[in-house]
Protein backbone atom coordinates (compact mmCIF):
# COMPACT_ATOMS: atom_id res chain seq x y z
CA GLU A 1 5.50 40.60 94.42
CA PHE A 2 6.63 38.40 91.53
CA GLU A 3 6.50 35.19 93.55
CA ASN A 4 3.15 36.20 94.97
CA PHE A 5 1.69 36.73 91.49
CA MET A 6 3.17 33.55 90.02
CA MET A 7 1.69 31.44 92.83
CA SER A 8 -1.72 33.11 92.64
CA LYS A 9 -4.78 32.04 90.66
CA HIS A 10 -3.97 34.65 88.01
CA GLY A 11 -0.32 33.60 87.89
CA THR A 12 -1.32 29.97 87.44
CA GLN A 13 -3.47 30.99 84.49
CA TYR A 14 -0.55 32.94 83.05
CA GLN A 15 1.84 30.00 83.38
CA THR A 16 -0.54 27.41 81.95
CA LEU A 17 -2.40 29.39 79.27
CA GLY A 18 -0.26 32.47 78.70
CA LYS A 19 3.25 33.19 77.51
CA ALA A 20 3.31 31.70 74.01
CA LYS A 21 -0.42 32.16 73.39
CA TRP A 22 -0.80 35.74 74.58
CA ASN A 23 -0.03 38.67 72.34
CA PHE A 24 2.02 41.08 74.46
CA GLU A 25 2.39 43.54 71.59
CA VAL A 26 -1.19 44.83 71.74
CA PRO A 27 -2.01 47.84 73.96
CA LEU A 28 -3.20 46.93 77.43
CA LYS A 29 -6.69 48.22 76.66
CA ASP A 30 -6.96 45.46 74.02
CA ALA A 31 -5.24 42.73 76.04
CA ILE A 32 -8.40 40.71 76.67
CA ALA A 33 -10.29 41.39 73.44
CA LYS A 34 -7.36 41.14 71.02
CA GLY A 35 -4.39 39.94 72.99
CA GLY A 36 -5.88 36.64 74.07
CA TYR A 37 -5.25 37.25 77.78
CA THR A 38 -7.14 34.73 79.93
CA ALA A 39 -5.95 36.31 83.18
CA PRO A 40 -4.58 39.69 84.20
CA THR A 41 -0.93 40.60 84.54
CA CYS A 42 0.32 43.07 87.15
CA GLN A 43 0.06 45.91 84.61
CA LEU A 44 -3.45 45.06 83.48
CA CYS A 45 -4.79 45.52 87.01
CA HIS A 46 -2.58 48.26 88.41
CA PHE A 47 -2.27 50.48 85.33
CA GLU A 48 -6.03 50.55 84.64
CA TYR A 49 -8.21 53.39 85.89
CA GLN A 50 -11.69 54.06 84.51
CA GLY A 51 -10.86 52.41 81.20
CA ASP A 52 -7.52 54.14 80.64
CA TYR A 53 -4.00 52.85 81.27
CA SER A 54 -1.06 54.80 82.59
CA HIS A 55 1.87 54.54 84.98
CA ASN A 56 -0.06 56.33 87.73
CA LEU A 57 -0.16 53.54 90.29
CA VAL A 58 -1.56 55.46 93.27
CA ARG A 59 -5.06 56.42 92.14
CA LYS A 60 -6.53 53.16 93.43
CA VAL A 61 -4.31 52.76 96.47
CA ARG A 62 -6.22 51.88 99.65
CA TRP A 63 -4.12 49.72 102.00
CA ALA A 64 -0.87 50.84 100.36
CA PHE A 65 2.27 48.86 101.17
CA ASN A 66 1.76 48.38 104.89
CA PRO A 67 -1.67 47.90 106.54
CA THR A 68 -2.11 50.03 109.66
CA PRO A 69 -4.90 50.56 112.23
CA ALA A 70 -5.36 54.12 110.93
CA ILE A 71 -6.31 52.72 107.52
CA ALA A 72 -8.49 49.96 108.96
CA ASP A 73 -10.42 52.47 111.07
CA ASN A 74 -11.22 54.67 108.07
CA LEU A 75 -12.15 52.21 105.31
CA GLY A 76 -15.73 53.50 105.41
CA HIS A 77 -14.60 57.01 104.46
CA SER A 78 -15.55 58.16 100.97
CA TRP A 79 -11.86 58.47 100.06
CA PHE A 80 -11.43 54.72 100.52
CA GLU A 81 -14.84 53.82 99.13
CA ASP A 82 -14.14 55.68 95.89
CA ARG A 83 -10.98 53.65 95.44
CA LYS A 84 -12.77 50.40 96.14
CA THR A 85 -15.29 51.31 93.45
CA ALA A 86 -12.39 51.86 91.03
CA TRP A 87 -11.04 48.42 91.91
CA VAL A 88 -14.45 46.83 91.38
CA ASP A 89 -14.48 48.40 87.91
CA THR A 90 -11.05 46.94 87.19
CA CYS A 91 -11.96 43.46 88.42
CA SER A 92 -15.17 43.66 86.39
CA LEU A 93 -13.10 43.44 83.22
CA CYS A 94 -13.12 39.68 83.87
CA HIS A 95 -15.53 39.13 86.77
CA SER A 96 -19.02 40.26 87.68
CA ALA A 97 -19.24 43.44 89.75
CA SER A 98 -21.01 41.59 92.57
CA PHE A 99 -18.24 38.98 92.75
CA ALA A 100 -15.57 41.66 92.65
CA LYS A 101 -17.13 43.65 95.49
CA ALA A 102 -17.72 40.54 97.61
CA TYR A 103 -14.13 39.44 97.15
CA LEU A 104 -12.69 42.86 98.00
CA ASP A 105 -14.93 43.09 101.08
CA ALA A 106 -13.68 39.68 102.22
CA ALA A 107 -10.08 40.72 101.55
CA ASP A 108 -10.57 43.82 103.72
CA LYS A 109 -11.91 41.69 106.58
CA GLY A 110 -9.07 39.21 106.27
CA THR A 111 -6.50 41.99 106.31
CA ILE A 112 -8.11 43.49 109.41
CA GLN A 113 -7.98 40.11 111.17
CA GLY A 114 -4.27 39.79 110.46
CA LEU A 115 -3.68 43.34 111.62
CA GLN A 116 -5.54 42.66 114.88
CA VAL A 117 -3.24 39.74 115.66
CA GLU A 118 -0.17 41.92 115.10
CA GLN A 119 -1.60 44.77 117.18
CA GLU A 120 -2.36 42.49 120.11
CA ALA A 121 1.24 41.29 120.05
CA LYS A 122 2.41 44.91 119.85
CA LYS A 123 0.57 45.77 123.08
CA VAL A 124 2.31 42.91 124.86
CA VAL A 125 5.78 43.97 123.68
CA THR A 126 5.08 47.63 124.47
CA GLN A 127 3.93 46.79 128.00
CA LEU A 128 7.05 44.71 128.62
CA TYR A 129 9.14 47.70 127.52
CA GLU A 130 7.22 50.10 129.76
CA ASP A 131 7.57 47.70 132.70
CA GLY A 132 11.32 47.40 132.08
CA LEU A 133 11.15 43.62 131.66
CA LEU A 134 12.75 43.13 128.24
CA VAL A 135 15.91 41.02 128.30
CA GLY A 136 18.88 43.24 129.17
CA GLN A 137 16.73 46.37 129.21
CA LYS A 138 18.29 47.68 132.43
CA THR A 139 21.79 46.31 131.87
CA ASN A 140 22.64 45.95 128.19
CA ARG A 141 20.45 48.14 125.99
CA PRO A 142 22.48 50.76 124.10
CA ALA A 143 20.59 53.70 122.65
CA PRO A 144 20.11 53.62 118.86
CA PRO A 145 22.01 56.06 116.64
CA LEU A 146 20.61 59.58 116.53
CA PRO A 147 18.14 60.87 115.54
CA GLU A 148 16.36 57.60 116.38
CA LYS A 149 14.90 57.26 119.86
CA ASP A 150 14.64 54.00 121.72
CA ALA A 151 11.26 52.30 121.36
CA PRO A 152 9.85 48.78 121.60
CA ALA A 153 10.01 46.97 118.25
CA GLY A 154 11.10 50.16 116.51
CA PHE A 155 11.71 50.45 112.78
CA PHE A 156 15.43 51.01 113.37
CA GLN A 157 15.70 47.54 114.91
CA LEU A 158 15.20 45.99 111.47
CA PHE A 159 18.56 47.38 110.38
CA TRP A 160 20.56 48.05 113.56
CA ALA A 161 21.37 45.99 116.65
CA LYS A 162 23.65 46.46 119.64
CA GLY A 163 23.70 44.34 122.78
CA ASN A 164 20.13 43.48 123.71
CA ASN A 165 18.65 46.21 121.52
CA PRO A 166 16.53 44.76 120.04
CA SER A 167 15.62 41.89 122.32
CA HIS A 168 14.43 38.65 120.76
CA ILE A 169 10.75 39.36 121.38
CA GLU A 170 10.99 42.78 119.71
CA ARG A 171 12.63 41.31 116.62
CA ILE A 172 9.82 38.78 116.35
CA HIS A 173 7.24 41.58 116.47
CA ALA A 174 9.14 43.52 113.83
CA ASP A 175 8.83 40.49 111.57
CA MET A 176 5.08 40.44 112.23
CA TRP A 177 4.37 43.95 110.99
CA GLU A 178 7.15 44.15 108.39
CA HIS A 179 6.62 40.75 106.77
CA ASP A 180 3.78 38.57 108.09
CA VAL A 181 0.93 41.09 107.90
CA ILE A 182 2.07 42.38 104.51
CA LYS A 183 2.37 38.92 102.97
CA HIS A 184 -1.00 37.98 104.43
CA TYR A 185 -2.62 41.08 102.97
CA LYS A 186 -0.87 40.77 99.60
CA GLY A 187 -1.82 37.12 99.35
CA ILE A 188 -5.51 37.82 99.94
CA PHE A 189 -5.79 40.68 97.48
CA HIS A 190 -3.80 38.85 94.78
CA ALA A 191 -5.97 35.71 94.92
CA ASN A 192 -3.21 33.60 96.45
CA PRO A 193 -5.00 31.68 99.21
CA GLY A 194 -2.30 29.10 99.82
CA GLY A 195 1.30 30.17 99.42
CA PHE A 196 1.09 33.74 100.72
CA THR A 197 -2.23 34.17 102.53
CA TYR A 198 -1.67 31.15 104.78
CA THR A 199 1.84 29.72 104.42
CA GLU A 200 3.73 33.02 104.32
CA GLY A 201 1.13 35.24 105.98
CA TRP A 202 -1.38 33.89 108.48
CA SER A 203 0.68 30.85 109.47
CA ASN A 204 3.69 33.01 110.32
CA LEU A 205 1.47 35.46 112.16
CA MET A 206 0.27 32.60 114.37
CA LYS A 207 3.82 31.32 114.89
CA ASP A 208 5.24 34.71 115.83
CA TYR A 209 2.21 35.53 117.98
CA SER A 210 2.64 32.32 120.01
CA GLU A 211 6.36 32.97 120.48
CA ILE A 212 5.67 36.48 121.76
CA MET A 213 3.02 35.24 124.19
CA ASP A 214 5.35 32.50 125.49
CA GLU A 215 8.17 34.99 125.93
CA ASN A 216 5.84 37.40 127.73
CA THR A 217 4.77 34.68 130.17
CA ARG A 218 8.35 33.58 130.77
CA LEU A 219 9.63 37.10 131.42
CA ARG A 220 6.77 37.99 133.75
CA GLU A 221 6.96 34.74 135.70
CA SER A 222 10.71 35.21 136.10
CA ALA A 223 10.20 38.77 137.33
CA ALA A 224 7.53 37.62 139.78
CA GLN A 225 9.80 34.90 141.20
CA ALA A 226 12.64 37.38 141.62
CA LYS A 227 10.29 39.74 143.47
CA ILE A 228 9.15 36.96 145.83
CA ALA A 229 12.73 35.92 146.53
CA LYS A 230 13.71 39.50 147.33
CA ALA A 231 10.73 39.97 149.63
CA SER A 232 11.59 36.73 151.43
CA VAL A 233 15.14 37.90 152.13
CA ASN A 234 13.96 41.29 153.36
CA SER A 235 11.34 39.78 155.68
CA THR A 236 13.75 37.47 157.55
CA ALA A 237 13.53 38.72 161.14
CA THR A 238 16.78 39.13 163.10
CA VAL A 239 17.66 40.81 166.37
CA PRO A 240 20.39 43.41 165.86
CA ALA A 241 23.70 42.96 167.60
CA SER A 242 23.99 44.68 170.99
CA GLU A 243 25.74 47.95 171.25
CA SER A 244 28.60 46.21 173.05
CA GLY A 245 29.33 44.25 169.94
CA GLY A 246 27.72 40.94 171.01
CA SER A 247 25.96 38.77 168.45
CA GLY A 248 22.22 39.25 168.05
CA LEU A 249 19.82 36.45 168.92
CA GLY A 250 17.95 34.82 166.10
CA LEU A 251 14.18 34.42 166.10
CA THR A 252 14.51 30.74 166.99
CA GLY A 253 16.62 31.56 170.05
CA LEU A 254 14.05 34.04 171.31
CA LEU A 255 11.29 31.50 170.93
CA LEU A 256 13.25 28.90 172.92
CA ILE A 257 13.88 31.42 175.74
CA ALA A 258 10.21 32.30 175.91
CA LEU A 259 9.27 28.62 175.99
CA GLY A 260 11.73 27.97 178.85
CA LEU A 261 10.33 30.85 180.89
CA GLY A 262 6.82 29.56 180.38
CA VAL A 263 7.75 26.08 181.65
CA ALA A 264 9.51 27.56 184.67
CA TYR A 265 6.44 29.62 185.50
CA LYS A 266 4.25 26.53 185.44
CA ILE A 267 6.61 24.64 187.79
CA PHE A 268 7.73 27.30 190.23
CA GLY A 269 4.99 29.89 189.96
CA PRO A 270 5.61 33.62 189.65
CA PHE A 271 9.25 34.53 189.98
CA GLY A 272 10.19 36.16 193.28
CA LYS A 273 7.41 34.41 195.33
CA LYS A 274 8.67 32.81 198.58
CA SER A 275 8.16 29.10 199.21
CA GLU A 276 5.84 27.91 202.09
CA ALA A 277 8.86 26.58 204.03
CA ASP A 278 10.53 29.95 203.91
CA GLU A 279 7.35 31.70 205.10
CA ALA A 280 6.94 29.22 208.02
CA SER A 281 10.56 29.72 209.07
CA GLU A 282 10.15 33.46 209.15
CA GLU A 283 6.95 33.19 211.22
CA ALA A 284 8.72 30.95 213.76
CA LYS A 285 11.39 33.56 214.16
């Protein structure tokens, strides 16, 4: 949070125009009018609610710490809209209300875009798990400690590992929702378009997304090749050994026998038919 603020537009203002020139002794309600603040601090934004300041930091919470689809799907609910209005009021201490609302709307859309990337990757990892194709899933995947239950890219995998649990692709996805999406969202809402929104957030989302898609393709192509090889072995036709213990004839041997019989038929005619000389000799007798 500190690095995010210091690299943001507000943090840049603080570092270039604040510190020595700002009066940190005045109450927060007088920070701009009497304290000489030219940009907000963390407290000025997060402590403020309808003109008052307190340590109640949840009254304006909307996305909270970790963006989720459940939040994204309900942003139009009055519960969320009321909190956005409170944020517009806070931002309006320095900006126009129209600018504040437009910026917050854009930040919501950007957060949703980042969340969609992570959720698409989650579907891929989940499907690999359900298909049993994760590396070592059928041979080297110990169950996590109780009461946790095994799951693809589970929360426990951030702090526990054994064998191939988690697999590489799951750990990448865990980084997406635990770090990339959050940094992306924090960067947008804290007016930090470069360092966190793109470098730490969106850029890492794209990197981890591409790694997951590559790994998905590799695992599925490998599984498909193994299936073809197995089917090829099973379809090799052989004649079983005779009951007397003799060796069975291969397919090639049977074909050669059939070809020889066909040639003999063409030369000698149907087997068992007497020659003309033999018939003439019998008639003479």
